[in-house]
N, C-alpha and C. Protein backbone atom coordinates (compact mmCIF):
# COMPACT_ATOMS: atom_id res chain seq x y z
N MET A 1 -22.04 77.15 82.50
CA MET A 1 -21.07 77.01 81.45
C MET A 1 -19.89 76.20 81.98
N ASP A 2 -19.47 75.21 81.23
CA ASP A 2 -18.35 74.36 81.61
C ASP A 2 -17.05 75.03 81.18
N LEU A 3 -16.08 75.05 82.07
CA LEU A 3 -14.79 75.67 81.78
C LEU A 3 -13.71 74.63 81.97
N LYS A 4 -12.96 74.34 80.93
CA LYS A 4 -11.88 73.36 80.99
C LYS A 4 -10.58 74.03 80.64
N LYS A 5 -9.49 73.57 81.26
CA LYS A 5 -8.19 74.13 80.95
C LYS A 5 -7.33 73.02 80.37
N SER A 6 -6.80 73.24 79.21
CA SER A 6 -5.94 72.26 78.57
C SER A 6 -4.64 72.14 79.34
N GLU A 7 -4.26 70.91 79.66
CA GLU A 7 -3.03 70.67 80.42
C GLU A 7 -1.80 70.98 79.59
N ASN A 8 -1.89 70.82 78.27
CA ASN A 8 -0.72 70.99 77.41
C ASN A 8 -0.44 72.44 77.04
N THR A 9 -1.48 73.23 76.82
CA THR A 9 -1.26 74.57 76.27
C THR A 9 -1.61 75.70 77.22
N GLY A 10 -2.32 75.41 78.31
CA GLY A 10 -2.74 76.46 79.21
C GLY A 10 -3.88 77.29 78.66
N VAL A 11 -4.51 76.85 77.58
CA VAL A 11 -5.63 77.56 76.96
C VAL A 11 -6.92 77.16 77.67
N SER A 12 -7.75 78.13 78.02
CA SER A 12 -9.05 77.84 78.61
C SER A 12 -10.07 77.62 77.50
N VAL A 13 -10.89 76.58 77.63
CA VAL A 13 -11.92 76.27 76.64
C VAL A 13 -13.27 76.42 77.32
N ASN A 14 -14.15 77.24 76.75
CA ASN A 14 -15.49 77.45 77.28
C ASN A 14 -16.50 76.70 76.43
N VAL A 15 -17.41 75.97 77.08
CA VAL A 15 -18.46 75.24 76.38
C VAL A 15 -19.79 75.60 77.02
N ASN A 16 -20.72 76.11 76.24
CA ASN A 16 -22.07 76.35 76.73
C ASN A 16 -22.85 75.06 76.55
N LEU A 17 -23.08 74.34 77.66
CA LEU A 17 -23.72 73.03 77.59
C LEU A 17 -25.17 73.10 77.13
N ASP A 18 -25.79 74.28 77.24
CA ASP A 18 -27.17 74.43 76.78
C ASP A 18 -27.28 74.48 75.26
N THR A 19 -26.23 74.95 74.60
CA THR A 19 -26.29 75.12 73.14
C THR A 19 -25.28 74.24 72.39
N THR A 20 -24.50 73.45 73.11
CA THR A 20 -23.49 72.61 72.48
C THR A 20 -23.66 71.16 72.95
N PRO A 21 -24.65 70.46 72.42
CA PRO A 21 -24.88 69.08 72.85
C PRO A 21 -23.82 68.14 72.30
N ILE A 22 -23.67 67.00 72.95
CA ILE A 22 -22.83 65.94 72.41
C ILE A 22 -23.72 65.10 71.50
N LEU A 23 -23.34 64.98 70.24
CA LEU A 23 -24.15 64.26 69.26
C LEU A 23 -23.54 62.89 68.99
N TYR A 24 -24.36 61.84 69.09
CA TYR A 24 -23.92 60.49 68.80
C TYR A 24 -23.79 60.31 67.30
N THR A 25 -22.79 59.54 66.90
CA THR A 25 -22.60 59.31 65.47
C THR A 25 -22.75 57.83 65.12
N ASP A 26 -23.45 57.57 64.03
CA ASP A 26 -23.57 56.23 63.47
C ASP A 26 -22.60 56.03 62.32
N ASN A 27 -22.31 57.10 61.62
CA ASN A 27 -21.50 57.03 60.40
C ASN A 27 -20.61 58.26 60.29
N ILE A 28 -19.45 58.06 59.70
CA ILE A 28 -18.54 59.17 59.41
C ILE A 28 -18.07 59.01 57.97
N PHE A 29 -18.14 60.10 57.22
CA PHE A 29 -17.65 60.11 55.85
C PHE A 29 -16.47 61.07 55.78
N MET A 30 -15.35 60.62 55.24
CA MET A 30 -14.16 61.46 55.14
C MET A 30 -13.76 61.61 53.68
N THR A 31 -13.38 62.82 53.32
CA THR A 31 -12.92 63.15 51.98
C THR A 31 -11.60 63.87 52.11
N THR A 32 -10.67 63.58 51.20
CA THR A 32 -9.38 64.26 51.24
C THR A 32 -9.05 64.83 49.86
N ASN A 33 -8.22 65.85 49.89
CA ASN A 33 -7.60 66.36 48.67
C ASN A 33 -6.20 66.82 49.05
N GLU A 34 -5.51 67.48 48.15
CA GLU A 34 -4.13 67.88 48.43
C GLU A 34 -4.04 68.92 49.54
N ASP A 35 -5.14 69.61 49.83
CA ASP A 35 -5.14 70.65 50.86
C ASP A 35 -5.50 70.16 52.25
N GLY A 36 -6.33 69.12 52.33
CA GLY A 36 -6.74 68.70 53.67
C GLY A 36 -7.75 67.59 53.69
N VAL A 37 -8.42 67.49 54.84
CA VAL A 37 -9.39 66.43 55.11
C VAL A 37 -10.71 67.08 55.51
N MET A 38 -11.82 66.58 54.98
CA MET A 38 -13.14 67.04 55.35
C MET A 38 -13.89 65.85 55.94
N VAL A 39 -14.62 66.10 57.05
CA VAL A 39 -15.32 65.03 57.75
C VAL A 39 -16.78 65.41 57.91
N ASP A 40 -17.68 64.50 57.52
CA ASP A 40 -19.11 64.64 57.77
C ASP A 40 -19.49 63.59 58.80
N VAL A 41 -20.03 64.03 59.94
CA VAL A 41 -20.45 63.15 61.02
C VAL A 41 -21.97 63.01 60.93
N CYS A 42 -22.47 61.77 60.87
CA CYS A 42 -23.89 61.54 60.58
C CYS A 42 -24.58 60.68 61.63
N GLN A 43 -25.91 60.86 61.70
CA GLN A 43 -26.79 60.02 62.50
C GLN A 43 -27.80 59.37 61.57
N LYS A 44 -28.11 58.11 61.84
CA LYS A 44 -29.14 57.42 61.07
C LYS A 44 -30.50 57.93 61.52
N LEU A 45 -31.40 58.13 60.56
CA LEU A 45 -32.75 58.61 60.86
C LEU A 45 -33.68 57.44 61.10
N GLY A 46 -33.87 57.09 62.34
CA GLY A 46 -34.78 56.00 62.71
C GLY A 46 -34.44 54.70 62.02
N LYS A 47 -35.47 54.03 61.53
CA LYS A 47 -35.29 52.75 60.85
C LYS A 47 -35.24 52.90 59.33
N THR A 48 -34.94 54.12 58.88
CA THR A 48 -34.85 54.38 57.45
C THR A 48 -33.43 54.13 56.97
N ASN A 49 -33.21 54.27 55.68
CA ASN A 49 -31.86 54.16 55.12
C ASN A 49 -31.26 55.55 54.89
N GLN A 50 -31.76 56.55 55.64
CA GLN A 50 -31.29 57.92 55.48
C GLN A 50 -30.38 58.33 56.64
N LEU A 51 -29.45 59.23 56.33
CA LEU A 51 -28.56 59.78 57.33
C LEU A 51 -28.71 61.29 57.37
N ARG A 52 -28.52 61.87 58.55
CA ARG A 52 -28.50 63.33 58.70
C ARG A 52 -27.11 63.74 59.15
N ILE A 53 -26.51 64.69 58.45
CA ILE A 53 -25.22 65.22 58.88
C ILE A 53 -25.47 66.11 60.09
N VAL A 54 -24.80 65.79 61.22
CA VAL A 54 -24.98 66.56 62.45
C VAL A 54 -23.78 67.44 62.74
N ALA A 55 -22.66 67.19 62.08
CA ALA A 55 -21.48 68.04 62.24
C ALA A 55 -20.59 67.88 61.02
N ARG A 56 -19.92 68.97 60.66
CA ARG A 56 -18.97 68.95 59.55
C ARG A 56 -17.75 69.73 59.99
N PHE A 57 -16.58 69.21 59.66
CA PHE A 57 -15.36 69.97 59.95
C PHE A 57 -14.27 69.58 58.98
N GLY A 58 -13.31 70.44 58.86
CA GLY A 58 -12.18 70.19 57.99
C GLY A 58 -10.90 70.60 58.68
N MET A 59 -9.78 70.07 58.20
CA MET A 59 -8.48 70.42 58.76
C MET A 59 -7.41 70.14 57.72
N SER A 60 -6.26 70.74 57.93
CA SER A 60 -5.14 70.52 57.02
C SER A 60 -4.67 69.07 57.14
N ARG A 61 -3.93 68.61 56.16
CA ARG A 61 -3.39 67.25 56.21
C ARG A 61 -2.45 67.10 57.40
N ASN A 62 -1.66 68.13 57.68
CA ASN A 62 -0.74 68.09 58.81
C ASN A 62 -1.51 67.99 60.14
N HIS A 63 -2.56 68.77 60.29
CA HIS A 63 -3.37 68.72 61.49
C HIS A 63 -4.06 67.36 61.62
N ALA A 64 -4.53 66.80 60.52
CA ALA A 64 -5.18 65.49 60.54
C ALA A 64 -4.21 64.41 61.03
N LYS A 65 -2.96 64.48 60.62
CA LYS A 65 -1.96 63.51 61.09
C LYS A 65 -1.75 63.63 62.59
N LYS A 66 -1.68 64.87 63.09
CA LYS A 66 -1.52 65.08 64.53
C LYS A 66 -2.75 64.58 65.29
N PHE A 67 -3.95 64.84 64.74
CA PHE A 67 -5.19 64.38 65.35
C PHE A 67 -5.21 62.86 65.45
N LEU A 68 -4.84 62.20 64.36
CA LEU A 68 -4.81 60.74 64.33
C LEU A 68 -3.85 60.19 65.38
N GLU A 69 -2.69 60.80 65.50
CA GLU A 69 -1.69 60.37 66.48
C GLU A 69 -2.22 60.51 67.91
N GLU A 70 -2.83 61.65 68.21
CA GLU A 70 -3.35 61.89 69.56
C GLU A 70 -4.54 61.00 69.87
N LEU A 71 -5.42 60.77 68.89
CA LEU A 71 -6.56 59.88 69.08
C LEU A 71 -6.08 58.46 69.36
N GLY A 72 -5.06 58.00 68.61
CA GLY A 72 -4.49 56.68 68.83
C GLY A 72 -3.93 56.53 70.23
N LYS A 73 -3.24 57.56 70.71
CA LYS A 73 -2.69 57.53 72.08
C LYS A 73 -3.81 57.45 73.11
N LEU A 74 -4.85 58.25 72.93
CA LEU A 74 -5.97 58.26 73.86
C LEU A 74 -6.68 56.91 73.89
N LEU A 75 -6.93 56.32 72.73
CA LEU A 75 -7.59 55.02 72.67
C LEU A 75 -6.74 53.93 73.31
N ALA A 76 -5.43 53.95 73.06
CA ALA A 76 -4.53 52.96 73.66
C ALA A 76 -4.50 53.11 75.18
N MET A 77 -4.50 54.33 75.65
CA MET A 77 -4.43 54.61 77.08
C MET A 77 -5.70 54.16 77.80
N THR A 78 -6.84 54.23 77.13
CA THR A 78 -8.11 53.90 77.78
C THR A 78 -8.65 52.53 77.38
N GLU A 79 -7.92 51.77 76.63
CA GLU A 79 -8.37 50.44 76.18
C GLU A 79 -8.68 49.57 77.39
N GLY A 80 -9.88 48.96 77.39
CA GLY A 80 -10.26 48.06 78.46
C GLY A 80 -10.75 48.74 79.72
N LYS A 81 -11.00 50.05 79.66
CA LYS A 81 -11.52 50.77 80.84
C LYS A 81 -12.94 51.23 80.58
N SER A 82 -13.75 51.29 81.63
CA SER A 82 -15.10 51.81 81.50
C SER A 82 -15.06 53.33 81.47
N GLU A 83 -16.22 53.95 81.34
CA GLU A 83 -16.30 55.41 81.30
C GLU A 83 -15.77 56.04 82.60
N THR A 84 -15.79 55.30 83.70
CA THR A 84 -15.34 55.83 84.99
C THR A 84 -13.84 55.65 85.18
N GLY A 85 -13.17 54.99 84.22
CA GLY A 85 -11.74 54.78 84.34
C GLY A 85 -11.38 53.50 85.05
N VAL A 86 -12.41 52.72 85.47
CA VAL A 86 -12.16 51.46 86.16
C VAL A 86 -11.99 50.36 85.13
N SER A 87 -10.96 49.53 85.33
CA SER A 87 -10.69 48.44 84.39
C SER A 87 -11.87 47.48 84.36
N VAL A 88 -12.27 47.06 83.15
CA VAL A 88 -13.38 46.12 82.98
C VAL A 88 -12.89 44.73 82.61
N ASN A 89 -11.60 44.53 82.56
CA ASN A 89 -11.04 43.21 82.21
C ASN A 89 -10.77 42.38 83.42
């Protein structure tokens, strides 16, 4: 079991790697209303025109704004780096 500790909150996060795979996504569908945001994460089924939803989650509008801000920071920080953190430019 992988154990990670968040640097910001001191919260320990447990992940069972045997039952919690990382799923690749081809498509993401987002829906919003006055209460929040819903996200369907999908994979394309082979060479067909069909998609399978592999994950679904929702969050409040306020949480979605915070998520967007943190994702933007992470992408900006890692722009032009490989998976190992070595610059590829």
